[in-house]
Amino acid sequence: MITRLAARTSLLFALLLAPAVSTYAGTGQGTLTFREDNDCGGDRRSFSDAPANLKLGNYGWNDEARSLELFNVGAPTSIFVYDDSSGSTSDDWTEIQITAPVSYLCISTFEQTIDLYANGSYVGWMNNRDRDNLDGKVSLVRVR
């Protein structure tokens, strides 16, 4: 009886102390959810975090995204958000680098250069190359 109780207690502690996120990267098991409003509000359009070039106009979402939610995104993952539908860097664009697994993160605007934190832990950085506003003008997303 004591052995069975000890085994159950050990299993319970292992489940409670296990990390809530995985370490996979770019396997398509995570989700990128673009939001119509800043601060991760409004209508949404979700995509896998698998490597891709996503022309948002092909999904009826051109010039809509103002923020981004990451769900279960592994590391390393690179996300590039462009105003120009061909990915030209002569217009507005932002680079997002995820360096540690993320269970959830809200990127409230594409128009900032900041370090990224989730649950108090550093998970990456974001560098904005803004010329005249990127929020609400996103046309292409590259995921690597």
N, C-alpha and C. Protein backbone atom coordinates (compact mmCIF):
# COMPACT_ATOMS: atom_id res chain seq x y z
N MET A 1 0.81 -1.19 0.00
CA MET A 1 0.00 0.00 0.00
C MET A 1 0.86 1.26 0.00
N ILE A 2 1.91 1.28 0.81
CA ILE A 2 2.78 2.45 0.89
C ILE A 2 3.50 2.64 -0.46
N THR A 3 3.92 1.53 -1.11
CA THR A 3 4.62 1.62 -2.39
C THR A 3 3.72 2.21 -3.45
N ARG A 4 2.46 1.79 -3.50
CA ARG A 4 1.52 2.32 -4.47
C ARG A 4 1.28 3.81 -4.24
N LEU A 5 1.15 4.23 -3.00
CA LEU A 5 0.96 5.64 -2.67
C LEU A 5 2.20 6.45 -3.06
N ALA A 6 3.38 5.92 -2.81
CA ALA A 6 4.62 6.61 -3.17
C ALA A 6 4.73 6.76 -4.68
N ALA A 7 4.36 5.73 -5.42
CA ALA A 7 4.41 5.79 -6.88
C ALA A 7 3.44 6.85 -7.41
N ARG A 8 2.23 6.88 -6.85
CA ARG A 8 1.26 7.89 -7.29
C ARG A 8 1.73 9.30 -6.96
N THR A 9 2.32 9.46 -5.78
CA THR A 9 2.83 10.78 -5.37
C THR A 9 3.97 11.21 -6.29
N SER A 10 4.87 10.28 -6.63
CA SER A 10 5.98 10.60 -7.54
C SER A 10 5.47 11.01 -8.91
N LEU A 11 4.47 10.29 -9.42
CA LEU A 11 3.89 10.62 -10.71
C LEU A 11 3.23 11.99 -10.66
N LEU A 12 2.50 12.29 -9.60
CA LEU A 12 1.85 13.58 -9.46
C LEU A 12 2.88 14.71 -9.46
N PHE A 13 3.96 14.56 -8.70
CA PHE A 13 5.01 15.58 -8.68
C PHE A 13 5.68 15.73 -10.04
N ALA A 14 5.90 14.63 -10.74
CA ALA A 14 6.52 14.70 -12.07
C ALA A 14 5.63 15.46 -13.04
N LEU A 15 4.32 15.22 -12.97
CA LEU A 15 3.40 15.93 -13.86
C LEU A 15 3.32 17.41 -13.52
N LEU A 16 3.33 17.73 -12.24
CA LEU A 16 3.25 19.13 -11.82
C LEU A 16 4.52 19.91 -12.14
N LEU A 17 5.66 19.25 -12.09
CA LEU A 17 6.92 19.93 -12.31
C LEU A 17 7.39 19.88 -13.75
N ALA A 18 6.73 19.14 -14.60
CA ALA A 18 7.14 19.02 -16.01
C ALA A 18 6.93 20.35 -16.72
N PRO A 19 7.82 20.68 -17.67
CA PRO A 19 7.63 21.93 -18.41
C PRO A 19 6.31 21.94 -19.17
N ALA A 20 5.70 23.10 -19.26
CA ALA A 20 4.40 23.24 -19.93
C ALA A 20 4.55 23.39 -21.43
N VAL A 21 5.78 23.54 -21.92
CA VAL A 21 6.00 23.72 -23.35
C VAL A 21 6.99 22.69 -23.85
N SER A 22 6.94 22.43 -25.13
CA SER A 22 7.88 21.50 -25.73
C SER A 22 9.02 22.27 -26.38
N THR A 23 10.02 21.56 -26.86
CA THR A 23 11.19 22.22 -27.44
C THR A 23 11.25 22.05 -28.95
N TYR A 24 10.19 21.55 -29.58
CA TYR A 24 10.20 21.38 -31.04
C TYR A 24 10.26 22.75 -31.71
N ALA A 25 10.80 22.77 -32.90
CA ALA A 25 10.89 24.04 -33.65
C ALA A 25 10.42 23.83 -35.07
N GLY A 26 9.49 24.65 -35.50
CA GLY A 26 9.05 24.65 -36.89
C GLY A 26 8.47 23.34 -37.36
N THR A 27 7.84 22.59 -36.48
CA THR A 27 7.29 21.30 -36.88
C THR A 27 5.84 21.41 -37.30
N GLY A 28 5.27 22.60 -37.17
CA GLY A 28 3.86 22.76 -37.51
C GLY A 28 2.94 22.40 -36.37
N GLN A 29 3.48 22.18 -35.18
CA GLN A 29 2.65 21.84 -34.04
C GLN A 29 2.23 23.07 -33.24
N GLY A 30 2.87 24.21 -33.50
CA GLY A 30 2.50 25.45 -32.85
C GLY A 30 1.57 26.24 -33.75
N THR A 31 1.04 27.34 -33.21
CA THR A 31 0.08 28.15 -33.95
C THR A 31 0.45 29.63 -33.88
N LEU A 32 0.38 30.29 -35.03
CA LEU A 32 0.51 31.74 -35.12
C LEU A 32 -0.89 32.28 -35.41
N THR A 33 -1.41 33.12 -34.52
CA THR A 33 -2.74 33.68 -34.70
C THR A 33 -2.63 35.19 -34.85
N PHE A 34 -2.89 35.67 -36.05
CA PHE A 34 -2.85 37.10 -36.33
C PHE A 34 -4.19 37.70 -35.91
N ARG A 35 -4.12 38.88 -35.27
CA ARG A 35 -5.31 39.53 -34.75
C ARG A 35 -5.53 40.88 -35.43
N GLU A 36 -6.80 41.24 -35.62
CA GLU A 36 -7.17 42.46 -36.33
C GLU A 36 -6.90 43.73 -35.52
N ASP A 37 -6.92 43.62 -34.20
CA ASP A 37 -6.69 44.77 -33.34
C ASP A 37 -5.35 44.64 -32.62
N ASN A 38 -4.82 45.75 -32.16
CA ASN A 38 -3.63 45.71 -31.31
C ASN A 38 -3.98 45.00 -30.00
N ASP A 39 -2.96 44.57 -29.29
CA ASP A 39 -3.11 43.88 -28.00
C ASP A 39 -3.86 42.57 -28.12
N CYS A 40 -3.76 41.92 -29.28
CA CYS A 40 -4.31 40.58 -29.52
C CYS A 40 -5.82 40.51 -29.37
N GLY A 41 -6.49 41.53 -29.89
CA GLY A 41 -7.95 41.54 -29.88
C GLY A 41 -8.51 41.52 -31.29
N GLY A 42 -9.82 41.43 -31.39
CA GLY A 42 -10.50 41.47 -32.68
C GLY A 42 -10.49 40.14 -33.41
N ASP A 43 -10.91 40.20 -34.67
CA ASP A 43 -10.97 39.00 -35.50
C ASP A 43 -9.60 38.36 -35.59
N ARG A 44 -9.59 37.07 -35.94
CA ARG A 44 -8.33 36.32 -35.97
C ARG A 44 -8.22 35.44 -37.19
N ARG A 45 -6.97 35.13 -37.54
CA ARG A 45 -6.66 34.19 -38.61
C ARG A 45 -5.45 33.39 -38.13
N SER A 46 -5.57 32.07 -38.07
CA SER A 46 -4.52 31.22 -37.51
C SER A 46 -3.82 30.39 -38.58
N PHE A 47 -2.52 30.18 -38.36
CA PHE A 47 -1.68 29.39 -39.25
C PHE A 47 -0.75 28.53 -38.40
N SER A 48 -0.28 27.46 -38.99
CA SER A 48 0.73 26.60 -38.36
C SER A 48 2.05 27.36 -38.28
N ASP A 49 2.91 26.97 -37.34
CA ASP A 49 4.24 27.58 -37.25
C ASP A 49 5.26 26.86 -38.14
N ALA A 50 4.79 25.96 -39.01
CA ALA A 50 5.69 25.27 -39.93
C ALA A 50 6.30 26.28 -40.90
N PRO A 51 7.53 26.05 -41.37
CA PRO A 51 8.15 26.97 -42.32
C PRO A 51 7.24 27.22 -43.53
N ALA A 52 7.06 28.51 -43.85
CA ALA A 52 6.14 28.86 -44.95
C ALA A 52 6.32 30.32 -45.33
N ASN A 53 5.86 30.64 -46.54
CA ASN A 53 5.66 32.02 -46.98
C ASN A 53 4.15 32.20 -47.09
N LEU A 54 3.58 33.02 -46.24
CA LEU A 54 2.14 33.18 -46.18
C LEU A 54 1.74 34.55 -46.74
N LYS A 55 1.17 34.56 -47.93
CA LYS A 55 0.63 35.80 -48.48
C LYS A 55 -0.78 35.93 -47.92
N LEU A 56 -0.94 36.84 -46.97
CA LEU A 56 -2.20 36.92 -46.25
C LEU A 56 -3.39 37.26 -47.14
N GLY A 57 -3.14 37.93 -48.27
CA GLY A 57 -4.22 38.21 -49.22
C GLY A 57 -4.85 36.95 -49.76
N ASN A 58 -4.08 35.86 -49.84
CA ASN A 58 -4.61 34.58 -50.32
C ASN A 58 -5.62 33.98 -49.34
N TYR A 59 -5.64 34.51 -48.12
CA TYR A 59 -6.53 34.01 -47.08
C TYR A 59 -7.57 35.06 -46.69
N GLY A 60 -7.73 36.09 -47.53
CA GLY A 60 -8.69 37.15 -47.25
C GLY A 60 -8.30 38.00 -46.06
N TRP A 61 -6.99 38.13 -45.81
CA TRP A 61 -6.53 38.79 -44.59
C TRP A 61 -5.47 39.85 -44.89
N ASN A 62 -5.36 40.30 -46.12
CA ASN A 62 -4.36 41.32 -46.47
C ASN A 62 -4.66 42.64 -45.76
N ASP A 63 -3.64 43.28 -45.24
CA ASP A 63 -3.75 44.58 -44.57
C ASP A 63 -4.75 44.57 -43.42
N GLU A 64 -4.76 43.50 -42.66
CA GLU A 64 -5.66 43.39 -41.50
C GLU A 64 -4.90 43.26 -40.18
N ALA A 65 -3.82 42.49 -40.15
CA ALA A 65 -3.16 42.11 -38.89
C ALA A 65 -2.50 43.30 -38.21
N ARG A 66 -2.75 43.42 -36.91
CA ARG A 66 -2.12 44.45 -36.08
C ARG A 66 -1.36 43.85 -34.90
N SER A 67 -1.62 42.58 -34.60
CA SER A 67 -0.93 41.92 -33.49
C SER A 67 -0.89 40.42 -33.76
N LEU A 68 -0.16 39.70 -32.91
CA LEU A 68 0.09 38.28 -33.14
C LEU A 68 0.14 37.52 -31.83
N GLU A 69 -0.56 36.40 -31.79
CA GLU A 69 -0.47 35.48 -30.65
C GLU A 69 0.31 34.25 -31.08
N LEU A 70 1.21 33.80 -30.22
CA LEU A 70 1.97 32.58 -30.44
C LEU A 70 1.48 31.54 -29.44
N PHE A 71 1.15 30.35 -29.93
CA PHE A 71 0.73 29.25 -29.07
C PHE A 71 1.64 28.05 -29.33
N ASN A 72 2.30 27.56 -28.30
CA ASN A 72 3.14 26.36 -28.38
C ASN A 72 4.14 26.42 -29.52
N VAL A 73 4.82 27.53 -29.65
CA VAL A 73 5.83 27.72 -30.69
C VAL A 73 7.19 27.33 -30.13
N GLY A 74 7.88 26.45 -30.84
CA GLY A 74 9.19 25.98 -30.40
C GLY A 74 10.31 26.91 -30.80
N ALA A 75 11.50 26.55 -30.37
CA ALA A 75 12.69 27.37 -30.65
C ALA A 75 13.75 26.52 -31.31
N PRO A 76 14.51 27.11 -32.19
CA PRO A 76 14.40 28.49 -32.67
C PRO A 76 13.36 28.61 -33.77
N THR A 77 12.62 29.71 -33.75
CA THR A 77 11.67 30.02 -34.81
C THR A 77 11.86 31.48 -35.20
N SER A 78 11.92 31.75 -36.50
CA SER A 78 12.03 33.11 -37.03
C SER A 78 10.75 33.45 -37.76
N ILE A 79 10.22 34.63 -37.47
CA ILE A 79 8.99 35.11 -38.12
C ILE A 79 9.30 36.50 -38.67
N PHE A 80 9.07 36.67 -39.96
CA PHE A 80 9.27 37.96 -40.62
C PHE A 80 7.91 38.44 -41.11
N VAL A 81 7.54 39.66 -40.77
CA VAL A 81 6.25 40.24 -41.12
C VAL A 81 6.52 41.44 -42.03
N TYR A 82 5.93 41.44 -43.23
CA TYR A 82 6.21 42.47 -44.24
C TYR A 82 4.96 43.21 -44.67
N ASP A 83 5.12 44.50 -44.94
CA ASP A 83 4.07 45.31 -45.59
C ASP A 83 4.01 44.93 -47.07
N ASP A 84 5.15 44.76 -47.70
CA ASP A 84 5.23 44.43 -49.13
C ASP A 84 4.94 42.95 -49.36
N SER A 85 4.06 42.64 -50.28
CA SER A 85 3.63 41.25 -50.51
C SER A 85 4.73 40.37 -51.10
N SER A 86 5.82 40.97 -51.60
CA SER A 86 6.94 40.18 -52.11
C SER A 86 8.06 40.06 -51.07
N GLY A 87 7.90 40.71 -49.93
CA GLY A 87 8.90 40.62 -48.88
C GLY A 87 10.04 41.61 -49.03
N SER A 88 9.83 42.67 -49.76
CA SER A 88 10.86 43.69 -49.94
C SER A 88 11.15 44.38 -48.61
N THR A 89 12.42 44.59 -48.33
CA THR A 89 12.80 45.29 -47.11
C THR A 89 12.92 46.81 -47.34
N SER A 90 12.48 47.28 -48.50
CA SER A 90 12.46 48.72 -48.74
C SER A 90 11.19 49.35 -48.17
N ASP A 91 10.25 48.52 -47.71
CA ASP A 91 9.04 49.00 -47.05
C ASP A 91 9.08 48.49 -45.61
N ASP A 92 8.01 48.70 -44.86
CA ASP A 92 7.97 48.30 -43.44
C ASP A 92 8.08 46.78 -43.29
N TRP A 93 8.82 46.36 -42.26
CA TRP A 93 8.91 44.95 -41.94
C TRP A 93 9.41 44.79 -40.51
N THR A 94 9.14 43.63 -39.92
CA THR A 94 9.57 43.32 -38.56
C THR A 94 10.09 41.89 -38.53
N GLU A 95 11.17 41.71 -37.80
CA GLU A 95 11.74 40.38 -37.57
C GLU A 95 11.48 39.98 -36.13
N ILE A 96 10.94 38.77 -35.94
CA ILE A 96 10.67 38.22 -34.62
C ILE A 96 11.48 36.94 -34.48
N GLN A 97 12.32 36.87 -33.47
CA GLN A 97 13.14 35.68 -33.22
C GLN A 97 12.73 35.06 -31.89
N ILE A 98 12.27 33.82 -31.95
CA ILE A 98 11.91 33.07 -30.75
C ILE A 98 13.08 32.16 -30.43
N THR A 99 13.69 32.37 -29.27
CA THR A 99 14.91 31.64 -28.89
C THR A 99 14.67 30.61 -27.80
N ALA A 100 13.47 30.59 -27.24
CA ALA A 100 13.09 29.59 -26.23
C ALA A 100 11.64 29.22 -26.48
N PRO A 101 11.24 27.99 -26.19
CA PRO A 101 9.86 27.57 -26.44
C PRO A 101 8.86 28.48 -25.74
N VAL A 102 7.74 28.71 -26.41
CA VAL A 102 6.69 29.61 -25.90
C VAL A 102 5.37 28.86 -25.85
N SER A 103 4.73 28.82 -24.69
CA SER A 103 3.39 28.23 -24.63
C SER A 103 2.35 29.27 -25.06
N TYR A 104 2.54 30.53 -24.64
CA TYR A 104 1.67 31.62 -25.09
C TYR A 104 2.43 32.94 -25.01
N LEU A 105 2.26 33.76 -26.06
CA LEU A 105 2.84 35.10 -26.08
C LEU A 105 1.98 35.98 -26.97
N CYS A 106 1.64 37.17 -26.48
CA CYS A 106 0.93 38.17 -27.29
C CYS A 106 1.93 39.23 -27.71
N ILE A 107 2.09 39.39 -29.01
CA ILE A 107 2.87 40.50 -29.57
C ILE A 107 1.84 41.55 -29.93
N SER A 108 1.76 42.60 -29.11
CA SER A 108 0.64 43.55 -29.16
C SER A 108 0.69 44.50 -30.35
N THR A 109 1.86 44.68 -30.96
CA THR A 109 2.02 45.53 -32.13
C THR A 109 3.27 45.09 -32.86
N PHE A 110 3.32 45.30 -34.17
CA PHE A 110 4.52 45.00 -34.95
C PHE A 110 5.46 46.20 -35.01
N GLU A 111 5.04 47.32 -34.45
CA GLU A 111 5.78 48.56 -34.58
C GLU A 111 6.63 48.86 -33.34
N GLN A 112 7.47 47.91 -32.95
CA GLN A 112 8.36 48.12 -31.82
C GLN A 112 9.59 47.22 -31.93
N THR A 113 10.64 47.63 -31.27
CA THR A 113 11.85 46.83 -31.15
C THR A 113 12.04 46.56 -29.67
N ILE A 114 11.86 45.28 -29.27
CA ILE A 114 11.87 44.94 -27.85
C ILE A 114 12.40 43.53 -27.65
N ASP A 115 12.77 43.22 -26.40
CA ASP A 115 12.99 41.85 -25.97
C ASP A 115 11.62 41.26 -25.66
N LEU A 116 11.46 39.95 -25.88
CA LEU A 116 10.19 39.28 -25.66
C LEU A 116 10.26 38.39 -24.42
N TYR A 117 9.24 38.48 -23.58
CA TYR A 117 9.15 37.69 -22.36
C TYR A 117 7.80 37.00 -22.29
N ALA A 118 7.80 35.76 -21.83
CA ALA A 118 6.57 35.01 -21.60
C ALA A 118 6.67 34.40 -20.21
N ASN A 119 5.68 34.64 -19.39
CA ASN A 119 5.67 34.16 -18.01
C ASN A 119 6.93 34.56 -17.27
N GLY A 120 7.42 35.76 -17.52
CA GLY A 120 8.59 36.28 -16.82
C GLY A 120 9.93 35.79 -17.34
N SER A 121 9.92 34.95 -18.35
CA SER A 121 11.18 34.41 -18.90
C SER A 121 11.45 34.97 -20.28
N TYR A 122 12.71 35.27 -20.55
CA TYR A 122 13.13 35.77 -21.86
C TYR A 122 12.93 34.66 -22.90
N VAL A 123 12.23 34.98 -23.99
CA VAL A 123 11.97 33.99 -25.04
C VAL A 123 12.40 34.45 -26.42
N GLY A 124 12.94 35.67 -26.54
CA GLY A 124 13.40 36.12 -27.84
C GLY A 124 13.40 37.63 -27.97
N TRP A 125 13.41 38.09 -29.21
CA TRP A 125 13.46 39.52 -29.48
C TRP A 125 12.70 39.85 -30.76
N MET A 126 12.45 41.14 -30.92
CA MET A 126 11.70 41.63 -32.07
C MET A 126 12.35 42.94 -32.52
N ASN A 127 12.60 43.06 -33.84
CA ASN A 127 13.23 44.25 -34.39
C ASN A 127 12.35 44.80 -35.50
N ASN A 128 11.86 46.03 -35.31
CA ASN A 128 10.97 46.67 -36.27
C ASN A 128 11.74 47.59 -37.18
N ARG A 129 11.49 47.47 -38.48
CA ARG A 129 12.08 48.35 -39.50
C ARG A 129 10.93 49.13 -40.14
N ASP A 130 10.35 50.01 -39.35
CA ASP A 130 9.14 50.73 -39.73
C ASP A 130 9.46 52.02 -40.46
N ARG A 131 8.79 52.26 -41.57
CA ARG A 131 8.95 53.50 -42.30
C ARG A 131 7.69 54.37 -42.18
N ASP A 132 6.53 53.76 -42.29
CA ASP A 132 5.29 54.54 -42.17
C ASP A 132 4.12 53.68 -41.72
N ASN A 133 4.34 52.86 -40.75
CA ASN A 133 3.31 52.03 -40.10
C ASN A 133 3.19 50.64 -40.74
N LEU A 134 3.28 49.63 -39.91
CA LEU A 134 3.13 48.24 -40.33
C LEU A 134 1.82 47.66 -39.81
N ASP A 135 1.40 48.08 -38.62
CA ASP A 135 0.14 47.55 -38.07
C ASP A 135 -1.00 47.82 -39.04
N GLY A 136 -1.77 46.78 -39.33
CA GLY A 136 -2.90 46.91 -40.25
C GLY A 136 -2.51 46.93 -41.71
N LYS A 137 -1.23 46.66 -42.00
CA LYS A 137 -0.77 46.67 -43.39
C LYS A 137 0.04 45.42 -43.74
N VAL A 138 -0.03 44.39 -42.93
CA VAL A 138 0.75 43.18 -43.15
C VAL A 138 0.23 42.42 -44.36
N SER A 139 1.14 42.11 -45.30
CA SER A 139 0.76 41.38 -46.52
C SER A 139 1.43 40.02 -46.62
N LEU A 140 2.66 39.89 -46.08
CA LEU A 140 3.42 38.65 -46.19
C LEU A 140 4.03 38.29 -44.85
N VAL A 141 4.00 36.99 -44.53
CA VAL A 141 4.65 36.47 -43.33
C VAL A 141 5.54 35.31 -43.75
N ARG A 142 6.79 35.36 -43.35
CA ARG A 142 7.72 34.24 -43.57
C ARG A 142 8.04 33.61 -42.23
N VAL A 143 7.89 32.28 -42.18
CA VAL A 143 8.19 31.53 -40.96
C VAL A 143 9.33 30.59 -41.28
N ARG A 144 10.38 30.62 -40.49
CA ARG A 144 11.54 29.76 -40.67
C ARG A 144 11.89 29.07 -39.37
